[in-house]
Amino acid sequence: MTIYKSSILYLICLLFIWIPSEAQEDITIPELYAHIETLTQDNWKGRAPGGRLNKKVIRYLRSELKKSGVRHFAGGFFQPFTTRMRKPEGEPPGPEIKTWNVVGVIHGNDPEWKDEYIILGAHYDHLGMGGPSSKTETKKGFHPGADDNASGTATLLEIAEKLAANRDSLDRSVILVAFGAEEQGLVGSRYFIENPPVPKDQIKLMINMDMVGRLNNQKHIYMGGAGTFPGGMALMQYTGESMGLTPIVHAGSVGGSDHVSFYRKKV
């Protein structure tokens, strides 16, 4: 399932419908913007996977998750993998690089459901200095990627803070994943679901945030892939309308971001 070009407010409400109002931590616009400003800084040159700058990005993500009280699986927050960098058609294959997913977990409490997992994901990489997948493959230049996908990554960090502050209210467990190398062909999410930290049949839902926007005047909310889990169409329609929004819900529209790696594995 993917939530795309949707409202941060809606996403927050959707995910925290079970959270009590006396939460210790709040999701705030200044914090969202601060994460986006950090992720899009010139010094990180568009968050291309691999190398010294990639390590700085993932250390920042780890630091923010730890600060929020999010825990990790055995082996730590980093899940390493390798991939080849894309090159324009007709050129030799790009170099093989090492990059990482950043993975945290907040354990649920219900004796029956705590071993069931909801995954909330967003890819943190972008196009670096350009090349394949950019609008002009032959033109090199800094691609900050504020929309794609600093917005989703910032939202992931803020939701992690909110959930960790309210961990006692969680029945199921939540896995938070900042995926690497999405722009290279969904590599990080594919590696994650092929090497999950929990048995795959215990993963009950994956929600992906690839570009998070703002409401228009009609308060439209677009939801794709709602037909890929039981009762999804009705749930999304009801939840949106109950919050005074105008949901436009699609059973299909599976799209092409990291959720597809899970969809192909029948998650």
C-alpha atoms as a PDB file:
ATOM      1  CA  MET A   1       0.000   0.000   0.000  1.00  0.00           C
ATOM      2  CA  THR A   2       1.283   3.467  -0.769  1.00  0.00           C
ATOM      3  CA  ILE A   3       0.335   6.864   0.556  1.00  0.00           C
ATOM      4  CA  TYR A   4       1.539   9.479  -1.916  1.00  0.00           C
ATOM      5  CA  LYS A   5       1.219  13.237  -2.373  1.00  0.00           C
ATOM      6  CA  SER A   6      -1.064  13.117   0.630  1.00  0.00           C
ATOM      7  CA  SER A   7      -1.390  15.242   3.710  1.00  0.00           C
ATOM      8  CA  ILE A   8       0.986  14.908   6.631  1.00  0.00           C
ATOM      9  CA  LEU A   9      -1.945  15.691   8.889  1.00  0.00           C
ATOM     10  CA  TYR A  10      -4.012  12.828   7.476  1.00  0.00           C
ATOM     11  CA  LEU A  11      -1.179  10.354   7.725  1.00  0.00           C
ATOM     12  CA  ILE A  12      -0.561  11.291  11.333  1.00  0.00           C
ATOM     13  CA  CYS A  13      -4.248  10.927  12.194  1.00  0.00           C
ATOM     14  CA  LEU A  14      -4.517   7.632  10.345  1.00  0.00           C
ATOM     15  CA  LEU A  15      -1.589   6.045  12.119  1.00  0.00           C
ATOM     16  CA  PHE A  16      -2.393   7.377  15.573  1.00  0.00           C
ATOM     17  CA  ILE A  17      -6.109   6.795  15.762  1.00  0.00           C
ATOM     18  CA  TRP A  18      -5.457   4.505  18.743  1.00  0.00           C
ATOM     19  CA  ILE A  19      -3.037   6.850  20.534  1.00  0.00           C
ATOM     20  CA  PRO A  20      -4.339   8.721  23.621  1.00  0.00           C
ATOM     21  CA  SER A  21      -4.439  12.506  23.553  1.00  0.00           C
ATOM     22  CA  GLU A  22      -2.036  12.833  26.477  1.00  0.00           C
ATOM     23  CA  ALA A  23       0.941  11.804  24.324  1.00  0.00           C
ATOM     24  CA  GLN A  24       4.327  12.833  25.670  1.00  0.00           C
ATOM     25  CA  GLU A  25       5.674  13.814  22.258  1.00  0.00           C
ATOM     26  CA  ASP A  26       3.950  15.782  19.507  1.00  0.00           C
ATOM     27  CA  ILE A  27       4.554  15.830  15.786  1.00  0.00           C
ATOM     28  CA  THR A  28       5.343  19.428  14.894  1.00  0.00           C
ATOM     29  CA  ILE A  29       5.841  21.348  11.677  1.00  0.00           C
ATOM     30  CA  PRO A  30       9.162  22.870  12.868  1.00  0.00           C
ATOM     31  CA  GLU A  31      10.583  19.405  13.554  1.00  0.00           C
ATOM     32  CA  LEU A  32       9.407  18.107  10.177  1.00  0.00           C
ATOM     33  CA  TYR A  33      11.071  21.044   8.418  1.00  0.00           C
ATOM     34  CA  ALA A  34      14.244  20.658  10.486  1.00  0.00           C
ATOM     35  CA  HIS A  35      14.600  17.043   9.315  1.00  0.00           C
ATOM     36  CA  ILE A  36      13.977  18.074   5.703  1.00  0.00           C
ATOM     37  CA  GLU A  37      16.534  20.880   5.919  1.00  0.00           C
ATOM     38  CA  THR A  38      19.125  18.474   7.310  1.00  0.00           C
ATOM     39  CA  LEU A  39      18.468  15.820   4.675  1.00  0.00           C
ATOM     40  CA  THR A  40      18.611  18.324   1.805  1.00  0.00           C
ATOM     41  CA  GLN A  41      21.711  20.206   2.929  1.00  0.00           C
ATOM     42  CA  ASP A  42      24.259  20.979   0.218  1.00  0.00           C
ATOM     43  CA  ASN A  43      26.967  19.059   2.074  1.00  0.00           C
ATOM     44  CA  TRP A  44      25.090  15.768   1.512  1.00  0.00           C
ATOM     45  CA  LYS A  45      24.852  16.364  -2.251  1.00  0.00           C
ATOM     46  CA  GLY A  46      21.512  14.730  -2.933  1.00  0.00           C
ATOM     47  CA  ARG A  47      21.900  11.602  -0.772  1.00  0.00           C
ATOM     48  CA  ALA A  48      23.227   9.237  -3.436  1.00  0.00           C
ATOM     49  CA  PRO A  49      23.865   5.746  -2.046  1.00  0.00           C
ATOM     50  CA  GLY A  50      27.351   4.626  -1.118  1.00  0.00           C
ATOM     51  CA  GLY A  51      30.422   6.391   0.191  1.00  0.00           C
ATOM     52  CA  ARG A  52      31.262   8.787   2.998  1.00  0.00           C
ATOM     53  CA  LEU A  53      28.214  11.037   2.628  1.00  0.00           C
ATOM     54  CA  ASN A  54      25.821   8.075   2.717  1.00  0.00           C
ATOM     55  CA  LYS A  55      27.356   7.114   6.068  1.00  0.00           C
ATOM     56  CA  LYS A  56      26.633  10.594   7.422  1.00  0.00           C
ATOM     57  CA  VAL A  57      22.982  10.315   6.392  1.00  0.00           C
ATOM     58  CA  ILE A  58      22.419   6.930   7.997  1.00  0.00           C
ATOM     59  CA  ARG A  59      24.185   8.009  11.185  1.00  0.00           C
ATOM     60  CA  TYR A  60      21.812  10.961  11.396  1.00  0.00           C
ATOM     61  CA  LEU A  61      18.808   8.665  10.975  1.00  0.00           C
ATOM     62  CA  ARG A  62      20.145   6.265  13.603  1.00  0.00           C
ATOM     63  CA  SER A  63      20.772   9.131  16.011  1.00  0.00           C
ATOM     64  CA  GLU A  64      17.215  10.450  15.614  1.00  0.00           C
ATOM     65  CA  LEU A  65      15.660   7.008  16.132  1.00  0.00           C
ATOM     66  CA  LYS A  66      17.776   6.382  19.228  1.00  0.00           C
ATOM     67  CA  LYS A  67      16.906   9.816  20.588  1.00  0.00           C
ATOM     68  CA  SER A  68      13.213   8.923  20.241  1.00  0.00           C
ATOM     69  CA  GLY A  69      13.660   5.681  22.151  1.00  0.00           C
ATOM     70  CA  VAL A  70      13.273   3.374  19.157  1.00  0.00           C
ATOM     71  CA  ARG A  71      15.100   0.067  19.630  1.00  0.00           C
ATOM     72  CA  HIS A  72      16.891  -2.157  17.126  1.00  0.00           C
ATOM     73  CA  PHE A  73      17.053  -5.825  16.255  1.00  0.00           C
ATOM     74  CA  ALA A  74      20.115  -7.972  16.901  1.00  0.00           C
ATOM     75  CA  GLY A  75      22.969  -6.530  14.884  1.00  0.00           C
ATOM     76  CA  GLY A  76      22.041  -2.877  15.292  1.00  0.00           C
ATOM     77  CA  PHE A  77      20.121  -0.289  13.278  1.00  0.00           C
ATOM     78  CA  PHE A  78      22.039  -0.774  10.009  1.00  0.00           C
ATOM     79  CA  GLN A  79      21.217  -3.461   7.447  1.00  0.00           C
ATOM     80  CA  PRO A  80      24.028  -3.417   4.843  1.00  0.00           C
ATOM     81  CA  PHE A  81      23.713  -4.514   1.220  1.00  0.00           C
ATOM     82  CA  THR A  82      25.417  -3.865  -2.114  1.00  0.00           C
ATOM     83  CA  THR A  83      24.124  -2.714  -5.479  1.00  0.00           C
ATOM     84  CA  ARG A  84      25.380  -1.394  -8.794  1.00  0.00           C
ATOM     85  CA  MET A  85      24.780   2.251  -9.588  1.00  0.00           C
ATOM     86  CA  ARG A  86      22.586   2.914 -12.578  1.00  0.00           C
ATOM     87  CA  LYS A  87      24.149   4.359 -15.707  1.00  0.00           C
ATOM     88  CA  PRO A  88      22.514   5.919 -18.780  1.00  0.00           C
ATOM     89  CA  GLU A  89      21.494   3.392 -21.417  1.00  0.00           C
ATOM     90  CA  GLY A  90      24.410   2.319 -23.576  1.00  0.00           C
ATOM     91  CA  GLU A  91      27.075   3.030 -20.954  1.00  0.00           C
ATOM     92  CA  PRO A  92      29.015   0.312 -19.071  1.00  0.00           C
ATOM     93  CA  PRO A  93      27.496  -0.797 -15.733  1.00  0.00           C
ATOM     94  CA  GLY A  94      28.132   1.500 -12.792  1.00  0.00           C
ATOM     95  CA  PRO A  95      30.361   0.649  -9.848  1.00  0.00           C
ATOM     96  CA  GLU A  96      29.208  -1.703  -7.100  1.00  0.00           C
ATOM     97  CA  ILE A  97      28.636   0.212  -3.880  1.00  0.00           C
ATOM     98  CA  LYS A  98      27.758  -0.641  -0.297  1.00  0.00           C
ATOM     99  CA  THR A  99      24.801   1.084   1.299  1.00  0.00           C
ATOM    100  CA  TRP A 100      22.337   0.484   4.109  1.00  0.00           C
ATOM    101  CA  ASN A 101      18.758   0.310   5.276  1.00  0.00           C
ATOM    102  CA  VAL A 102      18.158   1.879   8.689  1.00  0.00           C
ATOM    103  CA  VAL A 103      15.802  -0.334  10.716  1.00  0.00           C
ATOM    104  CA  GLY A 104      14.203   0.231  14.125  1.00  0.00           C
ATOM    105  CA  VAL A 105      11.442  -1.492  16.073  1.00  0.00           C
ATOM    106  CA  ILE A 106       8.880  -0.552  18.708  1.00  0.00           C
ATOM    107  CA  HIS A 107       7.496  -3.651  20.374  1.00  0.00           C
ATOM    108  CA  GLY A 108       3.794  -4.051  21.028  1.00  0.00           C
ATOM    109  CA  ASN A 109       2.214  -5.298  24.222  1.00  0.00           C
ATOM    110  CA  ASP A 110      -0.763  -7.499  23.455  1.00  0.00           C
ATOM    111  CA  PRO A 111       0.039 -11.167  24.258  1.00  0.00           C
ATOM    112  CA  GLU A 112      -1.733 -12.333  21.091  1.00  0.00           C
ATOM    113  CA  TRP A 113      -0.674  -9.602  18.643  1.00  0.00           C
ATOM    114  CA  LYS A 114       2.742  -8.370  19.744  1.00  0.00           C
ATOM    115  CA  ASP A 115       4.453 -10.838  17.380  1.00  0.00           C
ATOM    116  CA  GLU A 116       2.579  -9.338  14.419  1.00  0.00           C
ATOM    117  CA  TYR A 117       4.345  -6.437  12.703  1.00  0.00           C
ATOM    118  CA  ILE A 118       3.287  -3.326  10.810  1.00  0.00           C
ATOM    119  CA  ILE A 119       6.056  -1.829   8.684  1.00  0.00           C
ATOM    120  CA  LEU A 120       6.228   1.893   8.102  1.00  0.00           C
ATOM    121  CA  GLY A 121       8.800   2.808   5.475  1.00  0.00           C
ATOM    122  CA  ALA A 122      10.284   5.663   3.455  1.00  0.00           C
ATOM    123  CA  HIS A 123      13.357   5.772   1.247  1.00  0.00           C
ATOM    124  CA  TYR A 124      16.018   8.260   2.299  1.00  0.00           C
ATOM    125  CA  ASP A 125      18.201   8.198  -0.826  1.00  0.00           C
ATOM    126  CA  HIS A 126      17.839  10.505  -3.817  1.00  0.00           C
ATOM    127  CA  LEU A 127      19.602  11.172  -7.135  1.00  0.00           C
ATOM    128  CA  GLY A 128      22.827  12.714  -5.916  1.00  0.00           C
ATOM    129  CA  MET A 129      24.278  14.806  -8.720  1.00  0.00           C
ATOM    130  CA  GLY A 130      21.886  13.470 -11.373  1.00  0.00           C
ATOM    131  CA  GLY A 131      22.183  10.790 -14.031  1.00  0.00           C
ATOM    132  CA  PRO A 132      19.641   7.985 -14.643  1.00  0.00           C
ATOM    133  CA  SER A 133      16.136   8.655 -13.262  1.00  0.00           C
ATOM    134  CA  SER A 134      16.681  12.424 -13.277  1.00  0.00           C
ATOM    135  CA  LYS A 135      14.790  14.560 -15.771  1.00  0.00           C
ATOM    136  CA  THR A 136      17.942  15.361 -17.738  1.00  0.00           C
ATOM    137  CA  GLU A 137      20.280  12.368 -17.595  1.00  0.00           C
ATOM    138  CA  THR A 138      23.194  14.150 -19.236  1.00  0.00           C
ATOM    139  CA  LYS A 139      23.104  17.245 -17.011  1.00  0.00           C
ATOM    140  CA  LYS A 140      24.954  17.009 -13.703  1.00  0.00           C
ATOM    141  CA  GLY A 141      23.813  19.083 -10.754  1.00  0.00           C
ATOM    142  CA  PHE A 142      22.841  18.951  -7.102  1.00  0.00           C
ATOM    143  CA  HIS A 143      19.486  17.195  -6.578  1.00  0.00           C
ATOM    144  CA  PRO A 144      18.340  17.954  -2.992  1.00  0.00           C
ATOM    145  CA  GLY A 145      15.216  15.752  -3.155  1.00  0.00           C
ATOM    146  CA  ALA A 146      13.065  17.624  -0.627  1.00  0.00           C
ATOM    147  CA  ASP A 147       9.893  15.977  -1.933  1.00  0.00           C
ATOM    148  CA  ASP A 148      11.526  12.741  -3.013  1.00  0.00           C
ATOM    149  CA  ASN A 149      12.008  11.650  -0.388  1.00  0.00           C
ATOM    150  CA  ALA A 150      13.171  13.887   2.426  1.00  0.00           C
ATOM    151  CA  SER A 151       9.475  14.548   3.076  1.00  0.00           C
ATOM    152  CA  GLY A 152       8.666  10.894   3.685  1.00  0.00           C
ATOM    153  CA  THR A 153      11.816  10.335   5.734  1.00  0.00           C
ATOM    154  CA  ALA A 154      11.098  13.357   7.939  1.00  0.00           C
ATOM    155  CA  THR A 155       7.583  12.071   8.523  1.00  0.00           C
ATOM    156  CA  LEU A 156       8.959   8.633   9.374  1.00  0.00           C
ATOM    157  CA  LEU A 157      11.216  10.136  12.048  1.00  0.00           C
ATOM    158  CA  GLU A 158       8.403  12.182  13.579  1.00  0.00           C
ATOM    159  CA  ILE A 159       6.006   9.230  13.621  1.00  0.00           C
ATOM    160  CA  ALA A 160       8.731   7.133  15.241  1.00  0.00           C
ATOM    161  CA  GLU A 161       9.010   9.706  18.021  1.00  0.00           C
ATOM    162  CA  LYS A 162       5.254   9.738  18.545  1.00  0.00           C
ATOM    163  CA  LEU A 163       4.922   5.964  18.592  1.00  0.00           C
ATOM    164  CA  ALA A 164       7.881   5.450  20.907  1.00  0.00           C
ATOM    165  CA  ALA A 165       6.415   7.941  23.385  1.00  0.00           C
ATOM    166  CA  ASN A 166       3.201   5.905  23.360  1.00  0.00           C
ATOM    167  CA  ARG A 167       4.638   2.401  23.158  1.00  0.00           C
ATOM    168  CA  ASP A 168       2.448   1.236  26.050  1.00  0.00           C
ATOM    169  CA  SER A 169      -0.613   1.792  23.863  1.00  0.00           C
ATOM    170  CA  LEU A 170       0.586  -0.416  21.013  1.00  0.00           C
ATOM    171  CA  ASP A 171      -0.898  -3.891  20.573  1.00  0.00           C
ATOM    172  CA  ARG A 172       1.080  -4.955  17.494  1.00  0.00           C
ATOM    173  CA  SER A 173       4.751  -4.165  16.977  1.00  0.00           C
ATOM    174  CA  VAL A 174       5.935  -1.545  14.483  1.00  0.00           C
ATOM    175  CA  ILE A 175       9.059  -1.774  12.329  1.00  0.00           C
ATOM    176  CA  LEU A 176      10.356   1.543  10.990  1.00  0.00           C
ATOM    177  CA  VAL A 177      12.571   1.350   7.912  1.00  0.00           C
ATOM    178  CA  ALA A 178      14.439   4.083   6.062  1.00  0.00           C
ATOM    179  CA  PHE A 179      15.283   2.313   2.806  1.00  0.00           C
ATOM    180  CA  GLY A 180      18.458   2.864   0.816  1.00  0.00           C
ATOM    181  CA  ALA A 181      18.896   2.702  -2.978  1.00  0.00           C
ATOM    182  CA  GLU A 182      15.221   3.056  -3.923  1.00  0.00           C
ATOM    183  CA  GLU A 183      16.255   5.223  -6.859  1.00  0.00           C
ATOM    184  CA  GLN A 184      18.531   2.399  -8.071  1.00  0.00           C
ATOM    185  CA  GLY A 185      15.537   0.075  -8.528  1.00  0.00           C
ATOM    186  CA  LEU A 186      13.915  -0.553  -5.106  1.00  0.00           C
ATOM    187  CA  VAL A 187      17.090  -2.334  -4.041  1.00  0.00           C
ATOM    188  CA  GLY A 188      16.926  -1.646  -0.308  1.00  0.00           C
ATOM    189  CA  SER A 189      13.311  -2.691   0.154  1.00  0.00           C
ATOM    190  CA  ARG A 190      13.842  -5.796  -1.956  1.00  0.00           C
ATOM    191  CA  TYR A 191      16.838  -6.751   0.179  1.00  0.00           C
ATOM    192  CA  PHE A 192      14.877  -6.113   3.375  1.00  0.00           C
ATOM    193  CA  ILE A 193      11.910  -8.344   2.507  1.00  0.00           C
ATOM    194  CA  GLU A 194      14.267 -11.061   1.279  1.00  0.00           C
ATOM    195  CA  ASN A 195      16.185 -10.833   4.570  1.00  0.00           C
ATOM    196  CA  PRO A 196      13.578  -9.706   7.105  1.00  0.00           C
ATOM    197  CA  PRO A 197      14.476  -9.452  10.806  1.00  0.00           C
ATOM    198  CA  VAL A 198      11.242 -11.296  11.671  1.00  0.00           C
ATOM    199  CA  PRO A 199       9.462 -14.185   9.904  1.00  0.00           C
ATOM    200  CA  LYS A 200       7.770 -12.840   6.785  1.00  0.00           C
ATOM    201  CA  ASP A 201       4.392 -14.330   7.685  1.00  0.00           C
ATOM    202  CA  GLN A 202       4.379 -12.161  10.826  1.00  0.00           C
ATOM    203  CA  ILE A 203       4.451  -8.974   8.713  1.00  0.00           C
ATOM    204  CA  LYS A 204       0.780  -8.018   8.341  1.00  0.00           C
ATOM    205  CA  LEU A 205       0.915  -4.629   6.635  1.00  0.00           C
ATOM    206  CA  MET A 206       3.404  -2.330   4.935  1.00  0.00           C
ATOM    207  CA  ILE A 207       2.689   1.409   4.621  1.00  0.00           C
ATOM    208  CA  ASN A 208       5.033   3.353   2.369  1.00  0.00           C
ATOM    209  CA  MET A 209       5.570   7.109   2.291  1.00  0.00           C
ATOM    210  CA  ASP A 210       7.179   8.244  -0.945  1.00  0.00           C
ATOM    211  CA  MET A 211       6.552  11.985  -1.151  1.00  0.00           C
ATOM    212  CA  VAL A 212       4.241  13.489   1.448  1.00  0.00           C
ATOM    213  CA  GLY A 213       2.426  16.657   0.435  1.00  0.00           C
ATOM    214  CA  ARG A 214      -0.278  18.963   1.735  1.00  0.00           C
ATOM    215  CA  LEU A 215      -4.047  19.226   1.446  1.00  0.00           C
ATOM    216  CA  ASN A 216      -5.679  21.106  -1.425  1.00  0.00           C
ATOM    217  CA  ASN A 217      -8.830  23.185  -0.937  1.00  0.00           C
ATOM    218  CA  GLN A 218     -11.047  20.138  -1.495  1.00  0.00           C
ATOM    219  CA  LYS A 219      -9.119  18.192   1.166  1.00  0.00           C
ATOM    220  CA  HIS A 220      -8.486  15.344  -1.253  1.00  0.00           C
ATOM    221  CA  ILE A 221      -6.586  12.338   0.041  1.00  0.00           C
ATOM    222  CA  TYR A 222      -5.285   9.836  -2.523  1.00  0.00           C
ATOM    223  CA  MET A 223      -4.761   6.248  -1.402  1.00  0.00           C
ATOM    224  CA  GLY A 224      -3.356   3.578  -3.700  1.00  0.00           C
ATOM    225  CA  GLY A 225      -3.207  -0.148  -3.114  1.00  0.00           C
ATOM    226  CA  ALA A 226      -6.031  -0.177  -0.559  1.00  0.00           C
ATOM    227  CA  GLY A 227      -7.342  -3.396  -2.099  1.00  0.00           C
ATOM    228  CA  THR A 228      -4.153  -5.262  -1.226  1.00  0.00           C
ATOM    229  CA  PHE A 229      -5.187  -5.916   2.388  1.00  0.00           C
ATOM    230  CA  PRO A 230      -8.502  -7.131   3.836  1.00  0.00           C
ATOM    231  CA  GLY A 231     -11.078  -4.386   4.312  1.00  0.00           C
ATOM    232  CA  GLY A 232      -8.673  -1.728   3.070  1.00  0.00           C
ATOM    233  CA  MET A 233     -11.088   0.093   0.773  1.00  0.00           C
ATOM    234  CA  ALA A 234     -13.774   0.488   3.433  1.00  0.00           C
ATOM    235  CA  LEU A 235     -11.252   1.364   6.148  1.00  0.00           C
ATOM    236  CA  MET A 236      -9.618   4.136   4.127  1.00  0.00           C
ATOM    237  CA  GLN A 237     -12.950   5.577   3.006  1.00  0.00           C
ATOM    238  CA  TYR A 238     -14.401   5.593   6.515  1.00  0.00           C
ATOM    239  CA  THR A 239     -11.260   6.917   8.173  1.00  0.00           C
ATOM    240  CA  GLY A 240     -10.900   9.787   5.713  1.00  0.00           C
ATOM    241  CA  GLU A 241     -14.524  10.859   5.884  1.00  0.00           C
ATOM    242  CA  SER A 242     -14.608  10.661   9.681  1.00  0.00           C
ATOM    243  CA  MET A 243     -11.800  13.249   9.758  1.00  0.00           C
ATOM    244  CA  GLY A 244     -13.571  15.691   7.429  1.00  0.00           C
ATOM    245  CA  LEU A 245     -11.428  14.743   4.440  1.00  0.00           C
ATOM    246  CA  THR A 246     -12.342  13.722   0.890  1.00  0.00           C
ATOM    247  CA  PRO A 247     -10.751  10.321   0.277  1.00  0.00           C
ATOM    248  CA  ILE A 248     -10.123   9.074  -3.251  1.00  0.00           C
ATOM    249  CA  VAL A 249      -9.343   5.427  -2.675  1.00  0.00           C
ATOM    250  CA  HIS A 250      -7.997   3.002  -5.285  1.00  0.00           C
ATOM    251  CA  ALA A 251      -7.956  -0.748  -4.827  1.00  0.00           C
ATOM    252  CA  GLY A 252      -5.087  -1.063  -7.290  1.00  0.00           C
ATOM    253  CA  SER A 253      -2.721   1.734  -8.353  1.00  0.00           C
ATOM    254  CA  VAL A 254       0.152  -0.189  -6.839  1.00  0.00           C
ATOM    255  CA  GLY A 255       2.691   2.195  -8.355  1.00  0.00           C
ATOM    256  CA  GLY A 256       6.467   1.820  -8.336  1.00  0.00           C
ATOM    257  CA  SER A 257       8.025   2.590  -4.970  1.00  0.00           C
ATOM    258  CA  ASP A 258       9.322   0.451  -2.109  1.00  0.00           C
ATOM    259  CA  HIS A 259       5.927  -1.010  -1.222  1.00  0.00           C
ATOM    260  CA  VAL A 260       6.102  -2.947  -4.505  1.00  0.00           C
ATOM    261  CA  SER A 261       8.921  -5.108  -3.103  1.00  0.00           C
ATOM    262  CA  PHE A 262       6.505  -6.213  -0.371  1.00  0.00           C
ATOM    263  CA  TYR A 263       3.561  -6.554  -2.739  1.00  0.00           C
ATOM    264  CA  ARG A 264       5.569  -8.984  -4.873  1.00  0.00           C
ATOM    265  CA  LYS A 265       6.165 -11.089  -1.756  1.00  0.00           C
ATOM    266  CA  LYS A 266       2.422 -11.019  -0.981  1.00  0.00           C
ATOM    267  CA  VAL A 267       2.697  -8.612   1.932  1.00  0.00           C
END
